[in-house]
Amino acid sequence: MDIILNSGSTLVIIAAVVGLFMAWGIGANDVANAMGTSVGSKALTIKQAIIIAMVFEFAGAYLAGGEVTSTIRKGIIDASFFVDSPELLVFGMISALFAAATWLLIASALGWPVSTTHSIVGAIVGFAAMGVSVDAVTWSKVAGIVGSWVITPLISGVIAFIIFNSAQKLIFDTDKPLEQAKRWVPLYMFLAGFVLALVTIKKGLKHLDLHIGNIDGFIYAAITAVIVALIGKVFIHRLKFDETAELKTHYANVEKVFAILMIVTACCMAFAHGSNDVANAIGPLAAVVSIVDNGGQIAAKSAIAWWILPLGGFGIVAGLAIFGHKVIATIGQGITHLTPSRGFAAELAAACTVVIASGAGLPISTTQTLVGAVLGVGMARGIAAINLGVVRNIVVSWVITLPVGAGLSIMFFWMMKGIFA
């Protein structure tokens, strides 16, 4: 307790710097996942993707990132173990942020799309289990997260496989693909509008004080979807293409329609991602600030200081702009060859999976969801269309994320204790 009273300001400054580093890591790795399909399919250039992400990720983080956050992310450790020594929780949260951010930096440099959520969870588990007590960890929550390694990529992969195959059969494998696109693409726009509106309501706006119930959410999403589909129908019918052109030109024109769709999905996913995953950086930081401000008392929920959300939003944008290109390349080009229609199938499948997982209360990694969806699109074209070497590296990086995060966190935790004790 004396450490918090005497060194509180120093600890908050350290936590802010490390929190910014963590937000930077989220931008370099996780945001790059969200934009990878758009860049890989050439629907957006890397500069355009960065500008869109800057606007929508920052807007999501700042506007809907939450006024109040759980003191302990995902409820994976028991706060009662820290009541008598709150400085250990402060040391632990700073160590966890530093450990997760370090791992994200390494993974981003190697072009590995890893889960920022799993990075911070592994780091929190590490310091709590080794630095405090094995009983301080809620192991059932950890088991659920490990289970999500298989469940979420599988769900998104199956959905992407179905969406891509449906577009292939309804549009691309017909004699008049352009005519069929004008008929069926508004339906895909309806589906995209519905799912993305639900994602925004469930993930993007859940932190705002709006209290939108499930039924109202579905109604708002359906209204949005109808509007999107009608606007899409008008624009598609306005497009003038040469009907006498060869089939290859028709395919290219259909892909242009899907490219427009991808830009919409990229914006919505960026907003939802910014609002949700900024908590991986600001949650532990807000916990440190709350404990210091309350003189060592640990609250279950803590109000976020005014400067924390902009810090998280700025860090995410900076990470993407400076270091996001490597993970974008892995997602967009490394796993399988993407076109706008394939990228759209992957992104819509990822959004569907986010909605399903949110409704079922499953722990979810947006990274693993999107990678699973890209794999599903690749599988629809046969195993030869997938770069198995890249997939192997990604799976290995997923498996080692928790233990590496935990190991680094334990090391930083002992260093913090040594410095301040």
Protein backbone atom coordinates (compact mmCIF):
# COMPACT_ATOMS: atom_id res chain seq x y z
CA MET A 1 0.00 0.00 0.00
CA ASP A 2 2.87 2.41 0.83
CA ILE A 3 4.29 1.88 -2.65
CA ILE A 4 1.01 3.09 -4.24
CA LEU A 5 0.84 6.15 -1.98
CA ASN A 6 4.52 7.08 -2.50
CA SER A 7 5.03 6.08 -6.15
CA GLY A 8 1.50 6.29 -7.56
CA SER A 9 2.25 9.01 -10.15
CA THR A 10 5.35 7.16 -11.38
CA LEU A 11 3.35 3.92 -11.77
CA VAL A 12 0.59 5.72 -13.74
CA ILE A 13 3.17 7.27 -16.11
CA ILE A 14 4.83 3.86 -16.67
CA ALA A 15 1.40 2.27 -17.23
CA ALA A 16 0.46 5.01 -19.76
CA VAL A 17 3.68 4.52 -21.76
CA VAL A 18 3.28 0.72 -21.75
CA GLY A 19 -0.45 1.06 -22.57
CA LEU A 20 0.44 3.20 -25.60
CA PHE A 21 2.99 0.52 -26.63
CA MET A 22 0.24 -2.14 -26.34
CA ALA A 23 -2.21 -0.06 -28.42
CA TRP A 24 0.56 0.37 -31.00
CA GLY A 25 0.95 -3.43 -31.09
CA ILE A 26 -2.81 -3.87 -31.60
CA GLY A 27 -2.63 -1.48 -34.55
CA ALA A 28 0.40 -3.22 -36.05
CA ASN A 29 -1.12 -6.70 -35.77
CA ASP A 30 -4.87 -6.86 -35.22
CA VAL A 31 -5.95 -3.88 -37.33
CA ALA A 32 -3.74 -5.20 -40.09
CA ASN A 33 -5.85 -8.39 -39.97
CA ALA A 34 -9.04 -6.39 -40.47
CA MET A 35 -7.61 -4.57 -43.50
CA GLY A 36 -5.62 -7.47 -45.00
CA THR A 37 -8.43 -8.93 -47.13
CA SER A 38 -9.28 -5.52 -48.64
CA VAL A 39 -5.63 -4.85 -49.57
CA GLY A 40 -4.89 -8.40 -50.70
CA SER A 41 -7.92 -8.43 -53.03
CA LYS A 42 -6.82 -5.03 -54.42
CA ALA A 43 -10.17 -3.45 -53.42
CA LEU A 44 -8.06 -0.91 -51.52
CA THR A 45 -4.45 0.20 -51.78
CA ILE A 46 -2.43 -0.01 -48.56
CA LYS A 47 -2.54 3.80 -48.24
CA GLN A 48 -6.34 3.85 -48.60
CA ALA A 49 -6.67 1.02 -46.06
CA ILE A 50 -4.53 2.91 -43.55
CA ILE A 51 -6.60 6.10 -44.01
CA ILE A 52 -9.90 4.18 -43.57
CA ALA A 53 -8.51 2.38 -40.52
CA MET A 54 -7.25 5.64 -39.04
CA VAL A 55 -10.72 7.19 -39.27
CA PHE A 56 -12.90 4.23 -38.29
CA GLU A 57 -10.61 2.51 -35.77
CA PHE A 58 -10.04 5.79 -33.95
CA ALA A 59 -13.78 6.61 -34.09
CA GLY A 60 -14.64 3.15 -32.71
CA ALA A 61 -12.02 3.39 -29.96
CA TYR A 62 -12.86 6.95 -28.95
CA LEU A 63 -16.65 7.08 -29.42
CA ALA A 64 -17.59 3.54 -28.38
CA GLY A 65 -14.54 2.24 -26.50
CA GLY A 66 -16.39 2.51 -23.19
CA GLU A 67 -16.69 4.96 -20.33
CA VAL A 68 -16.34 2.13 -17.82
CA THR A 69 -14.23 -0.98 -18.13
CA SER A 70 -13.84 -4.16 -16.10
CA THR A 71 -10.86 -3.80 -13.78
CA ILE A 72 -9.68 -7.30 -14.66
CA ARG A 73 -9.98 -8.15 -18.34
CA LYS A 74 -12.25 -11.13 -19.15
CA GLY A 75 -12.62 -12.02 -15.43
CA ILE A 76 -9.69 -14.44 -15.62
CA ILE A 77 -8.20 -13.62 -12.21
CA ASP A 78 -9.79 -13.29 -8.77
CA ALA A 79 -9.39 -9.76 -7.36
CA SER A 80 -9.78 -10.96 -3.76
CA PHE A 81 -6.17 -12.25 -3.85
CA PHE A 82 -4.94 -8.65 -4.26
CA VAL A 83 -7.01 -6.83 -1.61
CA ASP A 84 -4.20 -6.80 0.98
CA SER A 85 -1.47 -6.03 -1.57
CA PRO A 86 -2.98 -3.95 -4.41
CA GLU A 87 0.51 -2.94 -5.56
CA LEU A 88 0.92 -6.53 -6.87
CA LEU A 89 -2.08 -6.02 -9.16
CA VAL A 90 -0.60 -2.72 -10.38
CA PHE A 91 2.80 -4.36 -11.05
CA GLY A 92 1.01 -7.26 -12.72
CA MET A 93 -1.12 -5.15 -15.05
CA ILE A 94 1.89 -3.08 -16.16
CA SER A 95 3.90 -6.28 -16.67
CA ALA A 96 1.04 -7.88 -18.62
CA LEU A 97 0.76 -4.86 -20.95
CA PHE A 98 4.53 -4.79 -21.50
CA ALA A 99 4.67 -8.56 -22.13
CA ALA A 100 1.72 -8.60 -24.56
CA ALA A 101 3.03 -5.53 -26.42
CA THR A 102 6.52 -7.08 -26.73
CA TRP A 103 5.06 -10.29 -28.17
CA LEU A 104 2.88 -8.30 -30.62
CA LEU A 105 5.97 -6.40 -31.78
CA ILE A 106 7.86 -9.68 -32.42
CA ALA A 107 4.87 -11.31 -34.17
CA SER A 108 4.24 -8.23 -36.34
CA ALA A 109 7.90 -8.10 -37.38
CA LEU A 110 7.58 -11.74 -38.51
CA GLY A 111 4.24 -11.05 -40.24
CA TRP A 112 2.35 -13.42 -37.92
CA PRO A 113 -1.32 -12.52 -37.28
CA VAL A 114 -1.74 -13.37 -33.58
CA SER A 115 -4.56 -12.59 -31.15
CA THR A 116 -4.11 -9.45 -29.06
CA THR A 117 -6.79 -10.74 -26.68
CA HIS A 118 -4.91 -14.01 -26.13
CA SER A 119 -1.64 -12.10 -25.74
CA ILE A 120 -2.97 -9.99 -22.85
CA VAL A 121 -4.87 -12.95 -21.32
CA GLY A 122 -1.71 -15.12 -21.35
CA ALA A 123 0.26 -12.28 -19.77
CA ILE A 124 -2.31 -11.73 -16.99
CA VAL A 125 -2.47 -15.49 -16.28
CA GLY A 126 1.34 -15.63 -16.09
CA PHE A 127 1.91 -12.98 -13.44
CA ALA A 128 -1.15 -14.05 -11.40
CA ALA A 129 -0.29 -17.77 -11.34
CA MET A 130 3.45 -17.47 -10.72
CA GLY A 131 3.66 -14.12 -8.94
CA VAL A 132 0.66 -14.45 -6.62
CA SER A 133 -1.08 -17.86 -6.55
CA VAL A 134 -2.19 -20.56 -8.97
CA ASP A 135 -5.63 -20.28 -7.34
CA ALA A 136 -5.83 -16.59 -8.33
CA VAL A 137 -6.53 -17.69 -11.95
CA THR A 138 -10.03 -18.72 -13.08
CA TRP A 139 -8.80 -21.69 -15.11
CA SER A 140 -12.22 -22.48 -16.63
CA LYS A 141 -12.08 -19.11 -18.44
CA VAL A 142 -8.60 -19.94 -19.75
CA ALA A 143 -9.85 -23.33 -21.00
CA GLY A 144 -12.66 -21.55 -22.89
CA ILE A 145 -10.12 -19.29 -24.58
CA VAL A 146 -7.94 -22.26 -25.60
CA GLY A 147 -11.08 -23.96 -26.97
CA SER A 148 -11.79 -20.90 -29.12
CA TRP A 149 -8.57 -21.61 -31.07
CA VAL A 150 -10.47 -24.40 -32.83
CA ILE A 151 -14.09 -23.24 -32.64
CA THR A 152 -13.94 -19.71 -34.07
CA PRO A 153 -11.73 -20.39 -37.14
CA LEU A 154 -13.87 -23.47 -37.88
CA ILE A 155 -17.17 -21.54 -37.74
CA SER A 156 -15.87 -18.65 -39.87
CA GLY A 157 -14.18 -21.05 -42.32
CA VAL A 158 -17.42 -22.98 -42.91
CA ILE A 159 -19.45 -19.76 -43.37
CA ALA A 160 -16.85 -18.32 -45.80
CA PHE A 161 -16.87 -21.62 -47.75
CA ILE A 162 -20.69 -21.42 -48.11
CA ILE A 163 -20.77 -17.70 -49.06
CA PHE A 164 -17.99 -18.08 -51.64
CA ASN A 165 -19.54 -21.20 -53.19
CA SER A 166 -22.95 -19.54 -53.40
CA ALA A 167 -21.47 -16.54 -55.28
CA GLN A 168 -19.58 -18.94 -57.54
CA LYS A 169 -22.70 -20.94 -58.46
CA LEU A 170 -25.19 -18.04 -58.65
CA ILE A 171 -22.94 -15.56 -60.52
CA PHE A 172 -19.54 -16.71 -61.79
CA ASP A 173 -20.46 -20.16 -63.16
CA THR A 174 -23.35 -18.83 -65.29
CA ASP A 175 -23.47 -17.78 -68.96
CA LYS A 176 -24.30 -14.16 -68.06
CA PRO A 177 -22.37 -13.35 -64.87
CA LEU A 178 -23.02 -9.59 -65.11
CA GLU A 179 -26.79 -10.07 -65.41
CA GLN A 180 -26.75 -12.52 -62.49
CA ALA A 181 -24.62 -10.10 -60.44
CA LYS A 182 -27.27 -7.40 -60.89
CA ARG A 183 -29.86 -9.88 -59.61
CA TRP A 184 -27.97 -11.43 -56.69
CA VAL A 185 -25.49 -8.82 -55.42
CA PRO A 186 -28.27 -6.72 -53.76
CA LEU A 187 -29.08 -9.86 -51.72
CA TYR A 188 -25.43 -10.07 -50.61
CA MET A 189 -25.64 -6.36 -49.81
CA PHE A 190 -28.73 -7.03 -47.65
CA LEU A 191 -26.88 -9.82 -45.83
CA ALA A 192 -23.77 -7.64 -45.38
CA GLY A 193 -25.83 -4.67 -44.17
CA PHE A 194 -27.71 -6.87 -41.68
CA VAL A 195 -24.65 -8.60 -40.24
CA LEU A 196 -22.48 -5.48 -40.11
CA ALA A 197 -25.27 -3.48 -38.45
CA LEU A 198 -25.53 -6.25 -35.84
CA VAL A 199 -21.75 -6.27 -35.35
CA THR A 200 -21.77 -2.48 -34.87
CA ILE A 201 -24.68 -2.69 -32.39
CA LYS A 202 -23.30 -5.70 -30.48
CA LYS A 203 -19.59 -4.86 -30.52
CA GLY A 204 -19.29 -1.25 -31.62
CA LEU A 205 -22.05 0.47 -29.66
CA LYS A 206 -22.32 -1.82 -26.62
CA HIS A 207 -20.17 0.54 -24.54
CA LEU A 208 -22.40 3.55 -25.25
CA ASP A 209 -25.34 4.11 -22.94
CA LEU A 210 -27.94 3.13 -25.57
CA HIS A 211 -29.43 -0.09 -24.08
CA ILE A 212 -30.45 -1.66 -27.40
CA GLY A 213 -32.15 -5.01 -26.73
CA ASN A 214 -31.79 -8.10 -28.94
CA ILE A 215 -35.15 -7.69 -30.70
CA ASP A 216 -34.62 -3.95 -31.29
CA GLY A 217 -31.10 -4.73 -32.51
CA PHE A 218 -32.44 -7.16 -35.11
CA ILE A 219 -35.10 -4.65 -36.22
CA TYR A 220 -32.52 -1.83 -36.63
CA ALA A 221 -30.18 -4.21 -38.45
CA ALA A 222 -32.97 -5.33 -40.84
CA ILE A 223 -33.94 -1.71 -41.61
CA THR A 224 -30.28 -0.86 -42.28
CA ALA A 225 -29.93 -3.94 -44.50
CA VAL A 226 -32.98 -3.01 -46.62
CA ILE A 227 -31.63 0.55 -47.11
CA VAL A 228 -28.16 -0.78 -48.06
CA ALA A 229 -29.68 -3.29 -50.51
CA LEU A 230 -31.90 -0.66 -52.17
CA ILE A 231 -29.01 1.82 -52.54
CA GLY A 232 -26.84 -1.00 -53.90
CA LYS A 233 -29.52 -2.03 -56.40
CA VAL A 234 -29.81 1.54 -57.73
CA PHE A 235 -26.03 1.90 -58.14
CA ILE A 236 -25.56 -1.52 -59.77
CA HIS A 237 -28.31 -0.86 -62.33
CA ARG A 238 -26.70 2.49 -63.14
CA LEU A 239 -23.43 0.79 -64.04
CA LYS A 240 -22.99 0.62 -67.80
CA PHE A 241 -20.99 -2.37 -69.02
CA ASP A 242 -20.53 -3.65 -72.56
CA GLU A 243 -22.83 -6.68 -72.80
CA THR A 244 -21.06 -7.88 -75.94
CA ALA A 245 -17.64 -8.00 -74.28
CA GLU A 246 -15.94 -11.34 -73.69
CA LEU A 247 -16.67 -13.36 -70.54
CA LYS A 248 -13.34 -12.44 -68.92
CA THR A 249 -14.32 -8.74 -69.00
CA HIS A 250 -17.69 -9.59 -67.43
CA TYR A 251 -15.91 -11.39 -64.56
CA ALA A 252 -13.68 -8.33 -64.02
CA ASN A 253 -16.74 -6.06 -63.90
CA VAL A 254 -18.47 -8.31 -61.36
CA GLU A 255 -15.33 -8.15 -59.20
CA LYS A 256 -15.53 -4.33 -59.32
CA VAL A 257 -19.01 -4.54 -57.75
CA PHE A 258 -17.68 -6.77 -54.96
CA ALA A 259 -14.76 -4.36 -54.46
CA ILE A 260 -17.24 -1.58 -53.55
CA LEU A 261 -18.90 -3.97 -51.08
CA MET A 262 -15.53 -4.74 -49.50
CA ILE A 263 -14.88 -1.06 -48.77
CA VAL A 264 -18.17 -0.91 -46.79
CA THR A 265 -17.36 -4.10 -44.85
CA ALA A 266 -13.83 -2.83 -44.11
CA CYS A 267 -15.19 0.42 -42.60
CA CYS A 268 -17.71 -1.38 -40.38
CA MET A 269 -15.21 -4.00 -39.21
CA ALA A 270 -12.66 -1.28 -38.41
CA PHE A 271 -15.20 0.62 -36.27
CA ALA A 272 -16.31 -2.52 -34.41
CA HIS A 273 -12.70 -3.65 -33.94
CA GLY A 274 -11.57 -0.27 -32.60
CA SER A 275 -14.42 -0.14 -30.10
CA ASN A 276 -13.86 -3.68 -28.86
CA ASP A 277 -10.15 -4.43 -28.94
CA VAL A 278 -8.93 -1.07 -27.62
CA ALA A 279 -9.97 -2.54 -24.24
CA ASN A 280 -6.97 -4.90 -24.46
CA ALA A 281 -4.75 -1.84 -24.04
CA ILE A 282 -6.90 0.49 -21.94
CA GLY A 283 -8.44 -2.12 -19.59
CA PRO A 284 -5.24 -2.87 -17.62
CA LEU A 285 -4.20 0.81 -17.85
CA ALA A 286 -7.58 1.95 -16.47
CA ALA A 287 -7.19 -0.61 -13.66
CA VAL A 288 -3.81 0.86 -12.65
CA VAL A 289 -5.16 4.44 -12.74
CA SER A 290 -8.24 3.41 -10.71
CA ILE A 291 -6.20 1.64 -8.00
CA VAL A 292 -3.78 4.57 -7.67
CA ASP A 293 -6.60 7.17 -7.60
CA ASN A 294 -8.50 5.18 -4.96
CA GLY A 295 -5.45 4.85 -2.71
CA GLY A 296 -5.09 1.11 -3.23
CA GLN A 297 -8.76 0.06 -3.28
CA ILE A 298 -9.73 -2.35 -6.08
CA ALA A 299 -13.11 -1.63 -7.69
CA ALA A 300 -14.89 -4.23 -9.86
CA LYS A 301 -15.52 -1.55 -12.49
CA SER A 302 -13.53 1.60 -13.01
CA ALA A 303 -14.39 4.81 -14.85
CA ILE A 304 -11.93 5.63 -17.60
CA ALA A 305 -9.93 8.83 -17.22
CA TRP A 306 -10.53 11.30 -20.09
CA TRP A 307 -7.05 10.85 -21.58
CA ILE A 308 -7.02 7.03 -21.79
CA LEU A 309 -9.34 6.49 -24.80
CA PRO A 310 -7.56 9.02 -27.08
CA LEU A 311 -4.25 7.43 -26.04
CA GLY A 312 -5.55 3.99 -27.10
CA GLY A 313 -7.00 5.30 -30.35
CA PHE A 314 -3.81 7.17 -31.27
CA GLY A 315 -1.66 4.11 -30.45
CA ILE A 316 -3.76 1.81 -32.66
CA VAL A 317 -3.59 4.19 -35.64
CA ALA A 318 0.19 4.75 -35.21
CA GLY A 319 0.87 1.00 -35.02
CA LEU A 320 -1.02 0.32 -38.23
CA ALA A 321 0.56 3.20 -40.15
CA ILE A 322 4.14 2.43 -39.07
CA PHE A 323 4.27 -1.36 -38.84
CA GLY A 324 1.03 -2.92 -40.13
CA HIS A 325 2.16 -3.74 -43.67
CA LYS A 326 3.74 -7.14 -42.84
CA VAL A 327 0.63 -8.69 -41.31
CA ILE A 328 -1.52 -7.14 -44.06
CA ALA A 329 0.68 -8.97 -46.59
CA THR A 330 0.29 -12.30 -44.74
CA ILE A 331 -3.52 -12.09 -44.56
CA GLY A 332 -4.04 -10.55 -47.99
CA GLN A 333 -1.52 -12.49 -50.06
CA GLY A 334 0.27 -15.13 -47.99
CA ILE A 335 -2.52 -17.63 -47.19
CA THR A 336 -4.33 -17.77 -50.53
CA HIS A 337 -4.87 -15.58 -53.61
CA LEU A 338 -7.77 -13.18 -52.95
CA THR A 339 -10.06 -11.36 -55.36
CA PRO A 340 -12.73 -8.87 -54.21
CA SER A 341 -15.45 -11.57 -54.27
CA ARG A 342 -13.27 -13.96 -52.22
CA GLY A 343 -12.23 -11.18 -49.82
CA PHE A 344 -15.87 -10.16 -49.39
CA ALA A 345 -16.83 -13.77 -48.57
CA ALA A 346 -14.06 -13.92 -45.94
CA GLU A 347 -14.90 -10.56 -44.34
CA LEU A 348 -18.65 -11.24 -44.24
CA ALA A 349 -18.00 -14.70 -42.75
CA ALA A 350 -15.80 -13.14 -40.06
CA ALA A 351 -18.56 -10.62 -39.25
CA CYS A 352 -21.16 -13.43 -39.07
CA THR A 353 -18.92 -15.37 -36.68
CA VAL A 354 -18.50 -12.31 -34.43
CA VAL A 355 -22.32 -12.02 -34.19
CA ILE A 356 -22.76 -15.76 -33.50
CA ALA A 357 -19.99 -15.81 -30.88
CA SER A 358 -21.32 -12.67 -29.15
CA GLY A 359 -24.80 -14.19 -28.95
CA ALA A 360 -23.45 -17.51 -27.63
CA GLY A 361 -21.05 -15.85 -25.18
CA LEU A 362 -18.01 -17.54 -26.75
CA PRO A 363 -14.57 -15.96 -26.18
CA ILE A 364 -13.49 -14.77 -29.61
CA SER A 365 -10.38 -13.60 -31.37
CA THR A 366 -11.05 -11.40 -34.41
CA THR A 367 -7.67 -12.51 -35.78
CA GLN A 368 -8.45 -16.22 -35.67
CA THR A 369 -11.93 -15.58 -37.04
CA LEU A 370 -10.59 -13.77 -40.10
CA VAL A 371 -7.77 -16.25 -40.72
CA GLY A 372 -10.32 -19.09 -40.53
CA ALA A 373 -12.53 -17.28 -43.05
CA VAL A 374 -9.64 -16.74 -45.49
CA LEU A 375 -8.78 -20.44 -45.15
CA GLY A 376 -12.43 -21.33 -45.86
CA VAL A 377 -12.32 -19.33 -49.10
CA GLY A 378 -9.04 -21.03 -50.04
CA MET A 379 -10.48 -24.50 -49.29
CA ALA A 380 -13.42 -23.77 -51.61
CA ARG A 381 -10.86 -23.70 -54.43
CA GLY A 382 -9.04 -26.83 -53.24
CA ILE A 383 -6.14 -27.50 -50.85
CA ALA A 384 -3.61 -26.56 -53.56
CA ALA A 385 -4.87 -22.95 -53.40
CA ILE A 386 -3.61 -22.62 -49.80
CA ASN A 387 0.00 -21.88 -48.81
CA LEU A 388 0.37 -24.55 -46.13
CA GLY A 389 3.75 -23.20 -44.96
CA VAL A 390 2.21 -19.85 -44.06
CA VAL A 391 -0.75 -21.57 -42.35
CA ARG A 392 1.66 -23.73 -40.30
CA ASN A 393 3.52 -20.64 -39.07
CA ILE A 394 0.23 -18.93 -38.13
CA VAL A 395 -1.01 -21.96 -36.15
CA VAL A 396 2.34 -22.24 -34.32
CA SER A 397 2.17 -18.53 -33.43
CA TRP A 398 -1.35 -19.03 -32.01
CA VAL A 399 -0.26 -21.96 -29.85
CA ILE A 400 2.77 -20.16 -28.39
CA THR A 401 0.97 -16.82 -27.79
CA LEU A 402 -0.38 -17.74 -24.33
CA PRO A 403 2.84 -19.31 -22.96
CA VAL A 404 5.12 -16.59 -24.44
CA GLY A 405 2.86 -13.86 -23.02
CA ALA A 406 2.86 -15.61 -19.66
CA GLY A 407 6.66 -16.10 -19.60
CA LEU A 408 7.43 -12.48 -20.50
CA SER A 409 4.87 -11.24 -17.97
CA ILE A 410 6.41 -13.28 -15.13
CA MET A 411 9.86 -11.88 -15.98
CA PHE A 412 8.63 -8.25 -16.08
CA PHE A 413 6.59 -8.79 -12.88
CA TRP A 414 9.66 -9.86 -10.88
CA MET A 415 11.58 -6.92 -12.33
CA MET A 416 8.83 -4.49 -11.24
CA LYS A 417 8.79 -5.99 -7.75
CA GLY A 418 12.58 -5.72 -7.55
CA ILE A 419 12.64 -2.09 -8.68
CA PHE A 420 9.83 -0.80 -6.43
CA ALA A 421 10.29 -3.05 -3.41
